[in-house]
């Protein structure tokens, strides 16, 4: 699948100024994790916020069912949610 930004004949150039250090650091880290340039990562981030993929409700429900079926016992409890939240925290 070709990224949306590559579909236009002549891409537009955008210069960003005064980016907060914390935002720049997160963008740089994300770019490294995804093996992209800073520019490509910024475009992907903007696309995901400004041009989100629309998913039909039936597709969303089917995806939720797939995820639930992948759980060890087919159930997702509050303690599982709490554990998942803690995993993402330093």
PDB file of N, CA and C in Angstrom:
ATOM      1  N   UNK A   1       0.833  -1.177   0.000  1.00  0.00           N
ATOM      2  CA  UNK A   1       0.000   0.000   0.000  1.00  0.00           C
ATOM      3  C   UNK A   1       0.880   1.243   0.000  1.00  0.00           C
ATOM      4  N   UNK A   2       0.617   2.151  -0.910  1.00  0.00           N
ATOM      5  CA  UNK A   2       1.389   3.384  -1.041  1.00  0.00           C
ATOM      6  C   UNK A   2       0.849   4.422  -0.066  1.00  0.00           C
ATOM      7  N   UNK A   3       1.742   5.055   0.737  1.00  0.00           N
ATOM      8  CA  UNK A   3       1.266   6.095   1.642  1.00  0.00           C
ATOM      9  C   UNK A   3       0.572   7.207   0.870  1.00  0.00           C
ATOM     10  N   UNK A   4      -0.438   7.806   1.491  1.00  0.00           N
ATOM     11  CA  UNK A   4      -1.221   8.841   0.845  1.00  0.00           C
ATOM     12  C   UNK A   4      -0.362   9.986   0.341  1.00  0.00           C
ATOM     13  N   UNK A   5       0.668  10.348   1.090  1.00  0.00           N
ATOM     14  CA  UNK A   5       1.496  11.486   0.705  1.00  0.00           C
ATOM     15  C   UNK A   5       2.272  11.235  -0.579  1.00  0.00           C
ATOM     16  N   UNK A   6       2.453   9.963  -0.951  1.00  0.00           N
ATOM     17  CA  UNK A   6       3.184   9.647  -2.176  1.00  0.00           C
ATOM     18  C   UNK A   6       2.277   9.633  -3.402  1.00  0.00           C
ATOM     19  N   UNK A   7       0.967   9.707  -3.191  1.00  0.00           N
ATOM     20  CA  UNK A   7       0.030   9.636  -4.302  1.00  0.00           C
ATOM     21  C   UNK A   7      -0.073  10.934  -5.086  1.00  0.00           C
ATOM     22  N   UNK A   8       0.168  12.079  -4.451  1.00  0.00           N
ATOM     23  CA  UNK A   8       0.030  13.341  -5.167  1.00  0.00           C
ATOM     24  C   UNK A   8       1.196  13.534  -6.117  1.00  0.00           C
ATOM     25  N   UNK A   9       0.933  14.208  -7.247  1.00  0.00           N
ATOM     26  CA  UNK A   9       1.942  14.392  -8.283  1.00  0.00           C
ATOM     27  C   UNK A   9       3.100  15.256  -7.791  1.00  0.00           C
ATOM     28  N   UNK A  10       2.794  16.359  -7.148  1.00  0.00           N
ATOM     29  CA  UNK A  10       3.828  17.255  -6.657  1.00  0.00           C
ATOM     30  C   UNK A  10       3.596  17.496  -5.166  1.00  0.00           C
ATOM     31  N   UNK A  11       4.349  16.810  -4.308  1.00  0.00           N
ATOM     32  CA  UNK A  11       4.155  17.005  -2.874  1.00  0.00           C
ATOM     33  C   UNK A  11       4.460  18.440  -2.460  1.00  0.00           C
ATOM     34  N   UNK A  12       3.751  18.893  -1.462  1.00  0.00           N
ATOM     35  CA  UNK A  12       3.962  20.222  -0.907  1.00  0.00           C
ATOM     36  C   UNK A  12       4.995  20.135   0.198  1.00  0.00           C
ATOM     37  N   UNK A  13       5.788  21.171   0.341  1.00  0.00           N
ATOM     38  CA  UNK A  13       6.804  21.227   1.382  1.00  0.00           C
ATOM     39  C   UNK A  13       6.280  22.042   2.548  1.00  0.00           C
ATOM     40  N   UNK A  14       6.541  21.559   3.764  1.00  0.00           N
ATOM     41  CA  UNK A  14       6.117  22.230   4.980  1.00  0.00           C
ATOM     42  C   UNK A  14       7.315  22.311   5.912  1.00  0.00           C
ATOM     43  N   UNK A  15       7.564  23.493   6.446  1.00  0.00           N
ATOM     44  CA  UNK A  15       8.637  23.675   7.419  1.00  0.00           C
ATOM     45  C   UNK A  15       8.003  23.938   8.775  1.00  0.00           C
ATOM     46  N   UNK A  16       8.432  23.207   9.778  1.00  0.00           N
ATOM     47  CA  UNK A  16       7.910  23.392  11.129  1.00  0.00           C
ATOM     48  C   UNK A  16       8.960  24.097  11.972  1.00  0.00           C
ATOM     49  N   UNK A  17       8.512  25.084  12.741  1.00  0.00           N
ATOM     50  CA  UNK A  17       9.421  25.838  13.602  1.00  0.00           C
ATOM     51  C   UNK A  17       8.947  25.738  15.036  1.00  0.00           C
ATOM     52  N   UNK A  18       9.865  25.933  15.952  1.00  0.00           N
ATOM     53  CA  UNK A  18       9.567  25.979  17.387  1.00  0.00           C
ATOM     54  C   UNK A  18       8.904  24.702  17.894  1.00  0.00           C
ATOM     55  N   UNK A  19       9.366  23.567  17.415  1.00  0.00           N
ATOM     56  CA  UNK A  19       8.845  22.278  17.885  1.00  0.00           C
ATOM     57  C   UNK A  19       9.372  22.063  19.311  1.00  0.00           C
ATOM     58  N   UNK A  20       8.487  21.796  20.246  1.00  0.00           N
ATOM     59  CA  UNK A  20       8.955  21.539  21.620  1.00  0.00           C
ATOM     60  C   UNK A  20       9.918  20.342  21.647  1.00  0.00           C
ATOM     61  N   UNK A  21      10.921  20.437  22.501  1.00  0.00           N
ATOM     62  CA  UNK A  21      11.925  19.376  22.586  1.00  0.00           C
ATOM     63  C   UNK A  21      11.300  18.008  22.837  1.00  0.00           C
ATOM     64  N   UNK A  22      10.302  17.959  23.710  1.00  0.00           N
ATOM     65  CA  UNK A  22       9.670  16.674  24.031  1.00  0.00           C
ATOM     66  C   UNK A  22       8.991  16.070  22.800  1.00  0.00           C
ATOM     67  N   UNK A  23       8.371  16.909  21.983  1.00  0.00           N
ATOM     68  CA  UNK A  23       7.706  16.423  20.762  1.00  0.00           C
ATOM     69  C   UNK A  23       8.756  15.929  19.775  1.00  0.00           C
ATOM     70  N   UNK A  24       9.823  16.706  19.619  1.00  0.00           N
ATOM     71  CA  UNK A  24      10.898  16.304  18.706  1.00  0.00           C
ATOM     72  C   UNK A  24      11.519  14.977  19.145  1.00  0.00           C
ATOM     73  N   UNK A  25      11.775  14.851  20.438  1.00  0.00           N
ATOM     74  CA  UNK A  25      12.382  13.619  20.949  1.00  0.00           C
ATOM     75  C   UNK A  25      11.480  12.408  20.702  1.00  0.00           C
ATOM     76  N   UNK A  26      10.168  12.571  20.929  1.00  0.00           N
ATOM     77  CA  UNK A  26       9.223  11.466  20.687  1.00  0.00           C
ATOM     78  C   UNK A  26       9.174  11.120  19.208  1.00  0.00           C
ATOM     79  N   UNK A  27       9.174  12.134  18.351  1.00  0.00           N
ATOM     80  CA  UNK A  27       9.139  11.905  16.908  1.00  0.00           C
ATOM     81  C   UNK A  27      10.408  11.181  16.451  1.00  0.00           C
ATOM     82  N   UNK A  28      11.544  11.618  16.963  1.00  0.00           N
ATOM     83  CA  UNK A  28      12.816  10.992  16.602  1.00  0.00           C
ATOM     84  C   UNK A  28      12.859   9.532  17.049  1.00  0.00           C
ATOM     85  N   UNK A  29      12.396   9.267  18.263  1.00  0.00           N
ATOM     86  CA  UNK A  29      12.368   7.900  18.775  1.00  0.00           C
ATOM     87  C   UNK A  29      11.431   7.028  17.930  1.00  0.00           C
ATOM     88  N   UNK A  30      10.244   7.554  17.604  1.00  0.00           N
ATOM     89  CA  UNK A  30       9.290   6.812  16.779  1.00  0.00           C
ATOM     90  C   UNK A  30       9.878   6.529  15.405  1.00  0.00           C
ATOM     91  N   UNK A  31      10.563   7.505  14.829  1.00  0.00           N
ATOM     92  CA  UNK A  31      11.183   7.322  13.515  1.00  0.00           C
ATOM     93  C   UNK A  31      12.228   6.203  13.565  1.00  0.00           C
ATOM     94  N   UNK A  32      13.017   6.199  14.605  1.00  0.00           N
ATOM     95  CA  UNK A  32      14.025   5.145  14.752  1.00  0.00           C
ATOM     96  C   UNK A  32      13.379   3.779  14.916  1.00  0.00           C
ATOM     97  N   UNK A  33      12.323   3.717  15.734  1.00  0.00           N
ATOM     98  CA  UNK A  33      11.643   2.437  15.963  1.00  0.00           C
ATOM     99  C   UNK A  33      11.015   1.895  14.682  1.00  0.00           C
ATOM    100  N   UNK A  34      10.490   2.788  13.846  1.00  0.00           N
ATOM    101  CA  UNK A  34       9.838   2.371  12.607  1.00  0.00           C
ATOM    102  C   UNK A  34      10.782   2.375  11.400  1.00  0.00           C
ATOM    103  N   UNK A  35      12.048   2.702  11.663  1.00  0.00           N
ATOM    104  CA  UNK A  35      13.070   2.760  10.607  1.00  0.00           C
ATOM    105  C   UNK A  35      12.652   3.701   9.477  1.00  0.00           C
ATOM    106  N   UNK A  36      12.240   4.907   9.897  1.00  0.00           N
ATOM    107  CA  UNK A  36      11.850   5.938   8.946  1.00  0.00           C
ATOM    108  C   UNK A  36      12.676   7.189   9.217  1.00  0.00           C
ATOM    109  N   UNK A  37      12.697   8.070   8.241  1.00  0.00           N
ATOM    110  CA  UNK A  37      13.294   9.383   8.451  1.00  0.00           C
ATOM    111  C   UNK A  37      12.348  10.197   9.331  1.00  0.00           C
ATOM    112  N   UNK A  38      12.863  11.277   9.909  1.00  0.00           N
ATOM    113  CA  UNK A  38      12.002  12.166  10.684  1.00  0.00           C
ATOM    114  C   UNK A  38      10.867  12.696   9.820  1.00  0.00           C
ATOM    115  N   UNK A  39      11.180  13.056   8.598  1.00  0.00           N
ATOM    116  CA  UNK A  39      10.171  13.586   7.683  1.00  0.00           C
ATOM    117  C   UNK A  39       9.063  12.559   7.436  1.00  0.00           C
ATOM    118  N   UNK A  40       9.446  11.334   7.122  1.00  0.00           N
ATOM    119  CA  UNK A  40       8.450  10.293   6.857  1.00  0.00           C
ATOM    120  C   UNK A  40       7.611   9.997   8.089  1.00  0.00           C
ATOM    121  N   UNK A  41       8.250   9.980   9.256  1.00  0.00           N
ATOM    122  CA  UNK A  41       7.510   9.713  10.493  1.00  0.00           C
ATOM    123  C   UNK A  41       6.518  10.836  10.776  1.00  0.00           C
ATOM    124  N   UNK A  42       6.921  12.078  10.551  1.00  0.00           N
ATOM    125  CA  UNK A  42       6.021  13.212  10.760  1.00  0.00           C
ATOM    126  C   UNK A  42       4.820  13.118   9.838  1.00  0.00           C
ATOM    127  N   UNK A  43       5.045  12.732   8.595  1.00  0.00           N
ATOM    128  CA  UNK A  43       3.945  12.590   7.638  1.00  0.00           C
ATOM    129  C   UNK A  43       2.988  11.493   8.086  1.00  0.00           C
ATOM    130  N   UNK A  44       3.526  10.350   8.501  1.00  0.00           N
ATOM    131  CA  UNK A  44       2.683   9.246   8.962  1.00  0.00           C
ATOM    132  C   UNK A  44       1.852   9.688  10.177  1.00  0.00           C
ATOM    133  N   UNK A  45       2.485  10.407  11.107  1.00  0.00           N
ATOM    134  CA  UNK A  45       1.763  10.896  12.289  1.00  0.00           C
ATOM    135  C   UNK A  45       0.644  11.850  11.895  1.00  0.00           C
ATOM    136  N   UNK A  46       0.923  12.777  11.011  1.00  0.00           N
ATOM    137  CA  UNK A  46      -0.098  13.721  10.561  1.00  0.00           C
ATOM    138  C   UNK A  46      -1.237  12.999   9.844  1.00  0.00           C
ATOM    139  N   UNK A  47      -0.894  12.060   8.987  1.00  0.00           N
ATOM    140  CA  UNK A  47      -1.933  11.301   8.276  1.00  0.00           C
ATOM    141  C   UNK A  47      -2.829  10.538   9.242  1.00  0.00           C
ATOM    142  N   UNK A  48      -2.223   9.937  10.253  1.00  0.00           N
ATOM    143  CA  UNK A  48      -3.020   9.127  11.171  1.00  0.00           C
ATOM    144  C   UNK A  48      -4.011   9.971  11.968  1.00  0.00           C
ATOM    145  N   UNK A  49      -3.674  11.231  12.209  1.00  0.00           N
ATOM    146  CA  UNK A  49      -4.568  12.112  12.955  1.00  0.00           C
ATOM    147  C   UNK A  49      -5.561  12.814  12.031  1.00  0.00           C
ATOM    148  N   UNK A  50      -5.072  13.285  10.903  1.00  0.00           N
ATOM    149  CA  UNK A  50      -5.914  14.095  10.026  1.00  0.00           C
ATOM    150  C   UNK A  50      -6.687  13.301   8.987  1.00  0.00           C
ATOM    151  N   UNK A  51      -6.195  12.122   8.650  1.00  0.00           N
ATOM    152  CA  UNK A  51      -6.855  11.280   7.652  1.00  0.00           C
ATOM    153  C   UNK A  51      -7.009   9.856   8.178  1.00  0.00           C
ATOM    154  N   UNK A  52      -7.698   9.702   9.306  1.00  0.00           N
ATOM    155  CA  UNK A  52      -7.805   8.353   9.872  1.00  0.00           C
ATOM    156  C   UNK A  52      -8.559   7.413   8.933  1.00  0.00           C
ATOM    157  N   UNK A  53      -8.162   6.173   8.976  1.00  0.00           N
ATOM    158  CA  UNK A  53      -8.834   5.155   8.179  1.00  0.00           C
ATOM    159  C   UNK A  53     -10.211   4.919   8.772  1.00  0.00           C
ATOM    160  N   UNK A  54     -11.211   5.004   7.938  1.00  0.00           N
ATOM    161  CA  UNK A  54     -12.566   4.756   8.430  1.00  0.00           C
ATOM    162  C   UNK A  54     -12.829   3.262   8.392  1.00  0.00           C
ATOM    163  N   UNK A  55     -13.381   2.779   9.487  1.00  0.00           N
ATOM    164  CA  UNK A  55     -13.661   1.358   9.603  1.00  0.00           C
ATOM    165  C   UNK A  55     -15.155   1.193   9.849  1.00  0.00           C
ATOM    166  N   UNK A  56     -15.755   0.311   9.105  1.00  0.00           N
ATOM    167  CA  UNK A  56     -17.171   0.039   9.285  1.00  0.00           C
ATOM    168  C   UNK A  56     -17.379  -0.562  10.673  1.00  0.00           C
ATOM    169  N   UNK A  57     -18.522  -0.263  11.307  1.00  0.00           N
ATOM    170  CA  UNK A  57     -18.778  -0.837  12.634  1.00  0.00           C
ATOM    171  C   UNK A  57     -18.659  -2.359  12.645  1.00  0.00           C
ATOM    172  N   UNK A  58     -19.125  -3.009  11.597  1.00  0.00           N
ATOM    173  CA  UNK A  58     -19.040  -4.468  11.544  1.00  0.00           C
ATOM    174  C   UNK A  58     -17.581  -4.932  11.522  1.00  0.00           C
ATOM    175  N   UNK A  59     -16.702  -4.168  10.847  1.00  0.00           N
ATOM    176  CA  UNK A  59     -15.279  -4.508  10.819  1.00  0.00           C
ATOM    177  C   UNK A  59     -14.663  -4.320  12.202  1.00  0.00           C
ATOM    178  N   UNK A  60     -15.057  -3.238  12.881  1.00  0.00           N
ATOM    179  CA  UNK A  60     -14.527  -2.963  14.218  1.00  0.00           C
ATOM    180  C   UNK A  60     -14.934  -4.071  15.196  1.00  0.00           C
ATOM    181  N   UNK A  61     -16.200  -4.505  15.108  1.00  0.00           N
ATOM    182  CA  UNK A  61     -16.684  -5.589  15.973  1.00  0.00           C
ATOM    183  C   UNK A  61     -15.956  -6.887  15.667  1.00  0.00           C
ATOM    184  N   UNK A  62     -15.759  -7.180  14.379  1.00  0.00           N
ATOM    185  CA  UNK A  62     -15.051  -8.402  13.992  1.00  0.00           C
ATOM    186  C   UNK A  62     -13.617  -8.378  14.522  1.00  0.00           C
ATOM    187  N   UNK A  63     -12.971  -7.225  14.448  1.00  0.00           N
ATOM    188  CA  UNK A  63     -11.600  -7.100  14.945  1.00  0.00           C
ATOM    189  C   UNK A  63     -11.560  -7.298  16.457  1.00  0.00           C
ATOM    190  N   UNK A  64     -12.524  -6.720  17.167  1.00  0.00           N
ATOM    191  CA  UNK A  64     -12.592  -6.892  18.624  1.00  0.00           C
ATOM    192  C   UNK A  64     -12.778  -8.362  18.981  1.00  0.00           C
ATOM    193  N   UNK A  65     -13.610  -9.053  18.224  1.00  0.00           N
ATOM    194  CA  UNK A  65     -13.831 -10.486  18.486  1.00  0.00           C
ATOM    195  C   UNK A  65     -12.566 -11.297  18.230  1.00  0.00           C
ATOM    196  N   UNK A  66     -11.823 -10.936  17.180  1.00  0.00           N
ATOM    197  CA  UNK A  66     -10.557 -11.624  16.891  1.00  0.00           C
ATOM    198  C   UNK A  66      -9.575 -11.429  18.044  1.00  0.00           C
ATOM    199  N   UNK A  67      -9.479 -10.187  18.516  1.00  0.00           N
ATOM    200  CA  UNK A  67      -8.565  -9.906  19.622  1.00  0.00           C
ATOM    201  C   UNK A  67      -8.970 -10.661  20.879  1.00  0.00           C
ATOM    202  N   UNK A  68     -10.258 -10.693  21.151  1.00  0.00           N
ATOM    203  CA  UNK A  68     -10.748 -11.407  22.337  1.00  0.00           C
ATOM    204  C   UNK A  68     -10.462 -12.903  22.217  1.00  0.00           C
ATOM    205  N   UNK A  69     -10.664 -13.466  21.032  1.00  0.00           N
ATOM    206  CA  UNK A  69     -10.430 -14.898  20.828  1.00  0.00           C
ATOM    207  C   UNK A  69      -8.952 -15.252  21.008  1.00  0.00           C
ATOM    208  N   UNK A  70      -8.078 -14.282  20.794  1.00  0.00           N
ATOM    209  CA  UNK A  70      -6.638 -14.527  20.925  1.00  0.00           C
ATOM    210  C   UNK A  70      -6.182 -14.556  22.382  1.00  0.00           C
ATOM    211  N   UNK A  71      -7.037 -14.116  23.298  1.00  0.00           N
ATOM    212  CA  UNK A  71      -6.685 -14.145  24.719  1.00  0.00           C
ATOM    213  C   UNK A  71      -6.645 -15.584  25.212  1.00  0.00           C
ATOM    214  N   UNK A  72      -5.806 -15.861  26.218  1.00  0.00           N
ATOM    215  CA  UNK A  72      -5.646 -17.237  26.696  1.00  0.00           C
ATOM    216  C   UNK A  72      -6.951 -17.956  27.015  1.00  0.00           C
ATOM    217  N   UNK A  73      -7.847 -17.321  27.741  1.00  0.00           N
ATOM    218  CA  UNK A  73      -9.102 -17.986  28.071  1.00  0.00           C
ATOM    219  C   UNK A  73     -10.301 -17.323  27.400  1.00  0.00           C
ATOM    220  N   UNK A  74     -10.036 -16.452  26.432  1.00  0.00           N
ATOM    221  CA  UNK A  74     -11.114 -15.795  25.705  1.00  0.00           C
ATOM    222  C   UNK A  74     -11.787 -14.679  26.468  1.00  0.00           C
ATOM    223  N   UNK A  75     -11.216 -14.309  27.627  1.00  0.00           N
ATOM    224  CA  UNK A  75     -11.816 -13.258  28.445  1.00  0.00           C
ATOM    225  C   UNK A  75     -10.803 -12.157  28.710  1.00  0.00           C
ATOM    226  N   UNK A  76     -11.311 -10.970  28.933  1.00  0.00           N
ATOM    227  CA  UNK A  76     -10.481  -9.804  29.217  1.00  0.00           C
ATOM    228  C   UNK A  76     -11.052  -9.138  30.452  1.00  0.00           C
ATOM    229  N   UNK A  77     -10.311  -9.204  31.542  1.00  0.00           N
ATOM    230  CA  UNK A  77     -10.811  -8.700  32.815  1.00  0.00           C
ATOM    231  C   UNK A  77     -10.141  -7.366  33.186  1.00  0.00           C
ATOM    232  N   UNK A  78     -10.696  -6.707  34.183  1.00  0.00           N
ATOM    233  CA  UNK A  78     -10.161  -5.418  34.632  1.00  0.00           C
ATOM    234  C   UNK A  78      -8.690  -5.550  35.026  1.00  0.00           C
ATOM    235  N   UNK A  79      -8.342  -6.657  35.655  1.00  0.00           N
ATOM    236  CA  UNK A  79      -6.937  -6.820  36.060  1.00  0.00           C
ATOM    237  C   UNK A  79      -6.019  -6.937  34.839  1.00  0.00           C
ATOM    238  N   UNK A  80      -6.540  -7.481  33.724  1.00  0.00           N
ATOM    239  CA  UNK A  80      -5.757  -7.545  32.493  1.00  0.00           C
ATOM    240  C   UNK A  80      -5.508  -6.139  31.943  1.00  0.00           C
ATOM    241  N   UNK A  81      -6.539  -5.294  32.030  1.00  0.00           N
ATOM    242  CA  UNK A  81      -6.400  -3.910  31.570  1.00  0.00           C
ATOM    243  C   UNK A  81      -5.373  -3.182  32.431  1.00  0.00           C
ATOM    244  N   UNK A  82      -5.456  -3.353  33.748  1.00  0.00           N
ATOM    245  CA  UNK A  82      -4.511  -2.707  34.659  1.00  0.00           C
ATOM    246  C   UNK A  82      -3.086  -3.168  34.379  1.00  0.00           C
ATOM    247  N   UNK A  83      -2.908  -4.457  34.131  1.00  0.00           N
ATOM    248  CA  UNK A  83      -1.563  -4.993  33.840  1.00  0.00           C
ATOM    249  C   UNK A  83      -1.028  -4.410  32.533  1.00  0.00           C
ATOM    250  N   UNK A  84      -1.886  -4.295  31.533  1.00  0.00           N
ATOM    251  CA  UNK A  84      -1.466  -3.735  30.245  1.00  0.00           C
ATOM    252  C   UNK A  84      -1.062  -2.275  30.398  1.00  0.00           C
ATOM    253  N   UNK A  85      -1.800  -1.529  31.216  1.00  0.00           N
ATOM    254  CA  UNK A  85      -1.448  -0.126  31.467  1.00  0.00           C
ATOM    255  C   UNK A  85      -0.091  -0.024  32.143  1.00  0.00           C
ATOM    256  N   UNK A  86       0.146  -0.890  33.130  1.00  0.00           N
ATOM    257  CA  UNK A  86       1.417  -0.845  33.870  1.00  0.00           C
ATOM    258  C   UNK A  86       2.596  -1.206  32.970  1.00  0.00           C
ATOM    259  N   UNK A  87       2.393  -2.079  32.007  1.00  0.00           N
ATOM    260  CA  UNK A  87       3.486  -2.484  31.116  1.00  0.00           C
ATOM    261  C   UNK A  87       4.021  -1.303  30.336  1.00  0.00           C
ATOM    262  N   UNK A  88       3.154  -0.370  29.984  1.00  0.00           N
ATOM    263  CA  UNK A  88       3.569   0.777  29.188  1.00  0.00           C
ATOM    264  C   UNK A  88       4.172   1.901  29.975  1.00  0.00           C
ATOM    265  N   UNK A  89       4.288   1.747  31.279  1.00  0.00           N
ATOM    266  CA  UNK A  89       4.811   2.821  32.127  1.00  0.00           C
ATOM    267  C   UNK A  89       6.210   2.468  32.626  1.00  0.00           C
ATOM    268  N   UNK A  90       7.056   3.491  32.729  1.00  0.00           N
ATOM    269  CA  UNK A  90       8.420   3.248  33.252  1.00  0.00           C
ATOM    270  C   UNK A  90       8.430   3.004  34.739  1.00  0.00           C
TER     271      UNK A  90
END
